[in-house]
PDB file of N, CA and C in Angstrom:
ATOM      1  N   MET A   1       0.785  -1.169   0.033  1.00  0.00           N
ATOM      2  CA  MET A   1      -0.097   0.118  -0.047  1.00  0.00           C
ATOM      3  C   MET A   1       0.694   1.103   0.095  1.00  0.00           C
ATOM      4  N   LYS A   2       0.572   2.271  -0.795  1.00  0.00           N
ATOM      5  CA  LYS A   2       1.168   3.497  -0.752  1.00  0.00           C
ATOM      6  C   LYS A   2       0.887   4.413   0.215  1.00  0.00           C
ATOM      7  N   ASN A   3       1.744   5.105   0.759  1.00  0.00           N
ATOM      8  CA  ASN A   3       1.554   6.237   1.803  1.00  0.00           C
ATOM      9  C   ASN A   3       1.498   7.562   1.083  1.00  0.00           C
ATOM     10  N   PHE A   4       0.713   8.652   1.439  1.00  0.00           N
ATOM     11  CA  PHE A   4       0.668   9.959   0.907  1.00  0.00           C
ATOM     12  C   PHE A   4       0.803  10.976   1.950  1.00  0.00           C
ATOM     13  N   ILE A   5       1.298  11.978   1.513  1.00  0.00           N
ATOM     14  CA  ILE A   5       1.441  13.214   2.298  1.00  0.00           C
ATOM     15  C   ILE A   5       0.511  14.272   1.872  1.00  0.00           C
ATOM     16  N   ILE A   6      -0.518  14.768   2.521  1.00  0.00           N
ATOM     17  CA  ILE A   6      -1.229  15.740   2.123  1.00  0.00           C
ATOM     18  C   ILE A   6      -1.224  17.083   3.078  1.00  0.00           C
ATOM     19  N   ASN A   7      -1.488  18.151   2.584  1.00  0.00           N
ATOM     20  CA  ASN A   7      -1.420  19.406   3.752  1.00  0.00           C
ATOM     21  C   ASN A   7      -2.665  19.315   4.437  1.00  0.00           C
ATOM     22  N   GLU A   8      -2.536  20.048   5.647  1.00  0.00           N
ATOM     23  CA  GLU A   8      -3.676  19.983   6.536  1.00  0.00           C
ATOM     24  C   GLU A   8      -4.807  20.785   6.024  1.00  0.00           C
ATOM     25  N   GLU A   9      -4.798  21.767   4.989  1.00  0.00           N
ATOM     26  CA  GLU A   9      -5.680  22.568   4.475  1.00  0.00           C
ATOM     27  C   GLU A   9      -6.535  21.466   3.582  1.00  0.00           C
ATOM     28  N   LEU A  10      -6.161  20.637   2.820  1.00  0.00           N
ATOM     29  CA  LEU A  10      -6.870  19.546   2.202  1.00  0.00           C
ATOM     30  C   LEU A  10      -7.433  18.595   2.939  1.00  0.00           C
ATOM     31  N   ALA A  11      -6.843  18.221   3.946  1.00  0.00           N
ATOM     32  CA  ALA A  11      -7.342  17.067   4.961  1.00  0.00           C
ATOM     33  C   ALA A  11      -8.631  17.628   5.412  1.00  0.00           C
ATOM     34  N   ASN A  12      -8.622  18.980   5.936  1.00  0.00           N
ATOM     35  CA  ASN A  12      -9.710  19.560   6.579  1.00  0.00           C
ATOM     36  C   ASN A  12     -10.938  19.734   5.546  1.00  0.00           C
ATOM     37  N   ALA A  13     -10.527  20.179   4.370  1.00  0.00           N
ATOM     38  CA  ALA A  13     -11.568  20.536   3.297  1.00  0.00           C
ATOM     39  C   ALA A  13     -12.323  19.049   3.052  1.00  0.00           C
ATOM     40  N   VAL A  14     -11.496  17.879   2.956  1.00  0.00           N
ATOM     41  CA  VAL A  14     -12.091  16.585   2.609  1.00  0.00           C
ATOM     42  C   VAL A  14     -13.117  16.278   3.873  1.00  0.00           C
ATOM     43  N   PHE A  15     -12.681  16.337   5.119  1.00  0.00           N
ATOM     44  CA  PHE A  15     -13.385  16.163   6.167  1.00  0.00           C
ATOM     45  C   PHE A  15     -14.628  17.106   6.370  1.00  0.00           C
ATOM     46  N   ASN A  16     -14.506  18.379   5.994  1.00  0.00           N
ATOM     47  CA  ASN A  16     -15.583  19.181   6.233  1.00  0.00           C
ATOM     48  C   ASN A  16     -16.683  18.639   5.213  1.00  0.00           C
ATOM     49  N   TYR A  17     -16.160  18.274   3.883  1.00  0.00           N
ATOM     50  CA  TYR A  17     -16.966  18.093   2.655  1.00  0.00           C
ATOM     51  C   TYR A  17     -17.690  16.749   3.308  1.00  0.00           C
ATOM     52  N   LEU A  18     -17.241  15.565   3.927  1.00  0.00           N
ATOM     53  CA  LEU A  18     -17.599  14.380   4.210  1.00  0.00           C
ATOM     54  C   LEU A  18     -18.709  14.674   5.364  1.00  0.00           C
ATOM     55  N   SER A  19     -18.476  15.670   6.210  1.00  0.00           N
ATOM     56  CA  SER A  19     -19.373  15.931   7.171  1.00  0.00           C
ATOM     57  C   SER A  19     -20.737  16.450   6.962  1.00  0.00           C
ATOM     58  N   THR A  20     -20.790  16.785   5.388  1.00  0.00           N
ATOM     59  CA  THR A  20     -22.252  17.268   4.884  1.00  0.00           C
ATOM     60  C   THR A  20     -22.793  16.064   4.297  1.00  0.00           C
ATOM     61  N   ARG A  21     -22.298  14.867   4.340  1.00  0.00           N
ATOM     62  CA  ARG A  21     -22.930  13.699   3.656  1.00  0.00           C
ATOM     63  C   ARG A  21     -23.560  12.917   4.667  1.00  0.00           C
ATOM     64  N   PRO A  22     -24.448  11.949   4.329  1.00  0.00           N
ATOM     65  CA  PRO A  22     -25.195  11.102   5.285  1.00  0.00           C
ATOM     66  C   PRO A  22     -24.199  10.239   5.955  1.00  0.00           C
ATOM     67  N   TYR A  23     -24.201  10.181   7.179  1.00  0.00           N
ATOM     68  CA  TYR A  23     -23.131   9.641   8.175  1.00  0.00           C
ATOM     69  C   TYR A  23     -22.862   8.056   7.674  1.00  0.00           C
ATOM     70  N   ARG A  24     -23.922   7.430   7.401  1.00  0.00           N
ATOM     71  CA  ARG A  24     -23.724   5.931   7.083  1.00  0.00           C
ATOM     72  C   ARG A  24     -22.813   5.750   5.834  1.00  0.00           C
ATOM     73  N   GLU A  25     -22.882   6.780   4.943  1.00  0.00           N
ATOM     74  CA  GLU A  25     -22.048   6.561   3.683  1.00  0.00           C
ATOM     75  C   GLU A  25     -20.719   6.978   3.930  1.00  0.00           C
ATOM     76  N   VAL A  26     -20.387   7.802   4.881  1.00  0.00           N
ATOM     77  CA  VAL A  26     -18.948   8.249   5.034  1.00  0.00           C
ATOM     78  C   VAL A  26     -18.293   7.865   6.328  1.00  0.00           C
ATOM     79  N   ALA A  27     -18.861   7.297   7.022  1.00  0.00           N
ATOM     80  CA  ALA A  27     -18.421   6.860   8.523  1.00  0.00           C
ATOM     81  C   ALA A  27     -17.179   6.482   8.581  1.00  0.00           C
ATOM     82  N   GLY A  28     -16.726   5.222   7.842  1.00  0.00           N
ATOM     83  CA  GLY A  28     -15.360   4.861   7.667  1.00  0.00           C
ATOM     84  C   GLY A  28     -14.447   5.726   7.003  1.00  0.00           C
ATOM     85  N   LEU A  29     -14.783   6.632   5.952  1.00  0.00           N
ATOM     86  CA  LEU A  29     -13.881   7.402   5.537  1.00  0.00           C
ATOM     87  C   LEU A  29     -13.367   8.386   6.441  1.00  0.00           C
ATOM     88  N   MET A  30     -14.516   8.956   7.377  1.00  0.00           N
ATOM     89  CA  MET A  30     -14.125   9.737   8.330  1.00  0.00           C
ATOM     90  C   MET A  30     -13.399   9.298   9.621  1.00  0.00           C
ATOM     91  N   ALA A  31     -13.649   7.873   9.905  1.00  0.00           N
ATOM     92  CA  ALA A  31     -12.719   7.530  10.810  1.00  0.00           C
ATOM     93  C   ALA A  31     -11.248   7.382  10.383  1.00  0.00           C
ATOM     94  N   GLY A  32     -11.119   7.002   9.076  1.00  0.00           N
ATOM     95  CA  GLY A  32      -9.842   7.112   8.593  1.00  0.00           C
ATOM     96  C   GLY A  32      -8.984   8.223   8.579  1.00  0.00           C
ATOM     97  N   LEU A  33      -9.842   9.445   8.185  1.00  0.00           N
ATOM     98  CA  LEU A  33      -9.288  10.802   8.207  1.00  0.00           C
ATOM     99  C   LEU A  33      -9.014  10.981   9.779  1.00  0.00           C
ATOM    100  N   GLY A  34      -9.575  10.494  10.711  1.00  0.00           N
ATOM    101  CA  GLY A  34      -9.287  10.688  12.115  1.00  0.00           C
ATOM    102  C   GLY A  34      -7.757  10.095  12.594  1.00  0.00           C
ATOM    103  N   GLN A  35      -7.526   9.197  11.879  1.00  0.00           N
ATOM    104  CA  GLN A  35      -6.159   8.473  11.990  1.00  0.00           C
ATOM    105  C   GLN A  35      -4.967   9.116  11.288  1.00  0.00           C
ATOM    106  N   LEU A  36      -5.236  10.178  10.563  1.00  0.00           N
ATOM    107  CA  LEU A  36      -4.204  10.843   9.977  1.00  0.00           C
ATOM    108  C   LEU A  36      -3.108  11.145  11.112  1.00  0.00           C
ATOM    109  N   GLN A  37      -1.764  11.045  10.569  1.00  0.00           N
ATOM    110  CA  GLN A  37      -0.713  11.316  11.566  1.00  0.00           C
ATOM    111  C   GLN A  37      -0.055  12.509  10.956  1.00  0.00           C
ATOM    112  N   SER A  38       0.696  13.462  11.640  1.00  0.00           N
ATOM    113  CA  SER A  38       1.643  14.324  11.167  1.00  0.00           C
ATOM    114  C   SER A  38       2.899  13.676  10.687  1.00  0.00           C
ATOM    115  N   ALA A  39       3.133  14.112   9.445  1.00  0.00           N
ATOM    116  CA  ALA A  39       4.349  13.973   8.999  1.00  0.00           C
ATOM    117  C   ALA A  39       5.471  14.804   9.565  1.00  0.00           C
ATOM    118  N   GLU A  40       6.634  14.285   9.539  1.00  0.00           N
ATOM    119  CA  GLU A  40       7.716  14.801  10.011  1.00  0.00           C
ATOM    120  C   GLU A  40       8.922  15.329   8.904  1.00  0.00           C
ATOM    121  N   LYS A  41       8.305  15.990   7.862  1.00  0.00           N
ATOM    122  CA  LYS A  41       9.240  16.384   6.934  1.00  0.00           C
ATOM    123  C   LYS A  41       8.416  17.789   6.211  1.00  0.00           C
ATOM    124  N   GLU A  42       9.014  18.450   5.543  1.00  0.00           N
ATOM    125  CA  GLU A  42       8.469  19.418   4.886  1.00  0.00           C
ATOM    126  C   GLU A  42       8.038  18.897   3.381  1.00  0.00           C
ATOM    127  N   PRO A  43       7.164  19.589   2.708  1.00  0.00           N
ATOM    128  CA  PRO A  43       6.728  19.386   1.475  1.00  0.00           C
ATOM    129  C   PRO A  43       8.014  19.234   0.575  1.00  0.00           C
ATOM    130  N   ASN A  44       8.107  18.381  -0.343  1.00  0.00           N
ATOM    131  CA  ASN A  44       9.230  18.381  -1.236  1.00  0.00           C
ATOM    132  C   ASN A  44      10.494  18.102  -0.783  1.00  0.00           C
ATOM    133  N   GLY A  45      10.514  17.698   0.588  1.00  0.00           N
ATOM    134  CA  GLY A  45      11.752  17.233   1.367  1.00  0.00           C
ATOM    135  C   GLY A  45      11.973  15.826   1.046  1.00  0.00           C
ATOM    136  N   PRO A  46      12.926  15.311   1.660  1.00  0.00           N
ATOM    137  CA  PRO A  46      13.413  13.950   1.459  1.00  0.00           C
ATOM    138  C   PRO A  46      12.117  12.861   2.135  1.00  0.00           C
ATOM    139  N   PRO A  47      12.093  11.735   1.571  1.00  0.00           N
ATOM    140  CA  PRO A  47      11.107  11.038   1.981  1.00  0.00           C
ATOM    141  C   PRO A  47      11.156  10.497   3.684  1.00  0.00           C
ATOM    142  N   VAL A  48       9.978  10.337   4.233  1.00  0.00           N
ATOM    143  CA  VAL A  48      10.127  10.022   5.798  1.00  0.00           C
ATOM    144  C   VAL A  48      10.499   8.517   5.580  1.00  0.00           C
ATOM    145  N   ASP A  49      11.415   8.122   6.606  1.00  0.00           N
ATOM    146  CA  ASP A  49      11.761   6.735   6.759  1.00  0.00           C
ATOM    147  C   ASP A  49      10.680   5.950   7.634  1.00  0.00           C
ATOM    148  N   GLU A  50      10.082   5.123   6.932  1.00  0.00           N
ATOM    149  CA  GLU A  50       8.859   4.414   7.694  1.00  0.00           C
ATOM    150  C   GLU A  50       9.338   3.466   8.714  1.00  0.00           C
ATOM    151  N   ALA A  51      10.759   2.996   8.725  1.00  0.00           N
ATOM    152  CA  ALA A  51      11.042   2.160   9.778  1.00  0.00           C
ATOM    153  C   ALA A  51      11.341   2.908  11.133  1.00  0.00           C
ATOM    154  N   SER A  52      11.428   4.254  10.992  1.00  0.00           N
ATOM    155  CA  SER A  52      11.959   4.946  12.332  1.00  0.00           C
ATOM    156  C   SER A  52      10.608   5.151  13.155  1.00  0.00           C
TER     157      SER A  52
END
């Protein structure tokens, strides 16, 4: 599975959009967004070492 880094503004926009949809349709996606973790790198920086 690939990992992606998105900025906080995009994550919030997606979450806010999903919050306007019927809960049963989006509950799983919203739960997944709630598990996003902050990346310890700047955009366009070196890849984050997943082993650390």
